[in-house]
Amino acid sequence: MRKRKMYLSVEDIAELFGLSVSFAYRVVERMNADLASKNFYVILGRVPTRYVEDKIYGLEHVEQYLKRFICWKKKPKNRMLEK
């Protein structure tokens, strides 16, 4: 059983919302600034998953969306090499 990700990276945010990585950095920076203003510790380049779920309207379970992207990006196995 895979554990739920506690933090989303910039790359995860970019894939999740279909953004460029450079713009995703700005989004993460703004989210971290908001958390810092509320006296939370922040990790540069990462955002808590629950915070993203709460802030983005209509996004309830980030992991379901990420699984879709991860499964879609997997390369097909070469069956010839397995035998």
Protein backbone atom coordinates (compact mmCIF):
# COMPACT_ATOMS: atom_id res chain seq x y z
CA MET A 1 0.00 0.00 0.00
CA ARG A 2 1.43 3.34 -1.05
CA LYS A 3 1.45 6.10 1.52
CA ARG A 4 -0.17 9.40 0.68
CA LYS A 5 2.25 12.14 -0.28
CA MET A 6 2.54 14.70 2.47
CA TYR A 7 4.06 17.39 0.23
CA LEU A 8 3.69 18.16 -3.46
CA SER A 9 6.73 19.29 -5.40
CA VAL A 10 6.81 21.99 -8.06
CA GLU A 11 6.81 19.29 -10.73
CA ASP A 12 3.70 17.71 -9.19
CA ILE A 13 1.91 21.08 -9.19
CA ALA A 14 2.93 21.71 -12.81
CA GLU A 15 1.58 18.31 -13.92
CA LEU A 16 -1.54 18.52 -11.82
CA PHE A 17 -2.68 21.87 -13.19
CA GLY A 18 -1.05 21.76 -16.62
CA LEU A 19 1.31 24.65 -15.89
CA SER A 20 4.85 25.31 -16.96
CA VAL A 21 7.42 24.53 -14.31
CA SER A 22 8.48 28.17 -14.08
CA PHE A 23 4.90 29.30 -13.38
CA ALA A 24 4.43 26.42 -10.93
CA TYR A 25 7.40 27.81 -8.98
CA ARG A 26 5.53 31.11 -8.65
CA VAL A 27 2.38 29.33 -7.48
CA VAL A 28 4.32 27.35 -4.88
CA GLU A 29 6.13 30.51 -3.78
CA ARG A 30 2.80 32.29 -3.22
CA MET A 31 1.37 29.34 -1.31
CA ASN A 32 4.48 29.17 0.87
CA ALA A 33 4.28 32.92 1.51
CA ASP A 34 0.69 32.49 2.66
CA LEU A 35 1.69 29.65 4.98
CA ALA A 36 4.64 31.64 6.34
CA SER A 37 2.36 34.60 7.08
CA LYS A 38 0.30 32.23 9.23
CA ASN A 39 3.47 31.23 11.14
CA PHE A 40 3.84 27.78 9.58
CA TYR A 41 7.22 26.37 8.64
CA VAL A 42 7.64 26.01 4.90
CA ILE A 43 9.84 23.85 2.71
CA LEU A 44 11.03 25.67 -0.38
CA GLY A 45 9.78 24.06 -3.58
CA ARG A 46 7.12 22.00 -1.80
CA VAL A 47 3.58 22.59 -0.58
CA PRO A 48 1.54 20.45 1.83
CA THR A 49 -0.99 18.31 -0.03
CA ARG A 50 -3.82 19.19 2.35
CA TYR A 51 -3.17 22.90 1.84
CA VAL A 52 -3.46 22.50 -1.94
CA GLU A 53 -6.66 20.48 -1.53
CA ASP A 54 -8.15 23.21 0.67
CA LYS A 55 -7.06 26.13 -1.51
CA ILE A 56 -8.02 24.85 -4.96
CA TYR A 57 -11.76 24.76 -5.60
CA GLY A 58 -13.05 21.37 -6.73
CA LEU A 59 -9.85 19.50 -5.91
CA GLU A 60 -10.66 16.94 -3.26
CA HIS A 61 -8.13 14.18 -3.61
CA VAL A 62 -4.86 15.20 -5.21
CA GLU A 63 -3.49 11.66 -5.10
CA GLN A 64 -6.17 10.39 -7.51
CA TYR A 65 -5.13 12.99 -10.06
CA LEU A 66 -1.43 12.30 -9.57
CA LYS A 67 -1.95 8.55 -10.02
CA ARG A 68 -3.60 9.26 -13.35
CA PHE A 69 -0.56 11.26 -14.49
CA ILE A 70 1.95 8.74 -13.16
CA CYS A 71 0.20 5.77 -14.78
CA TRP A 72 -0.15 7.64 -18.05
CA LYS A 73 3.55 8.47 -18.23
CA LYS A 74 4.80 4.92 -17.67
CA LYS A 75 6.51 3.43 -20.65
CA PRO A 76 5.14 0.13 -21.92
CA LYS A 77 7.25 -2.88 -21.02
CA ASN A 78 9.12 -4.61 -23.75
CA ARG A 79 7.78 -8.17 -23.55
CA MET A 80 10.57 -9.47 -25.79
CA LEU A 81 13.21 -8.76 -23.13
CA GLU A 82 11.34 -10.57 -20.35
CA LYS A 83 11.57 -14.02 -21.97
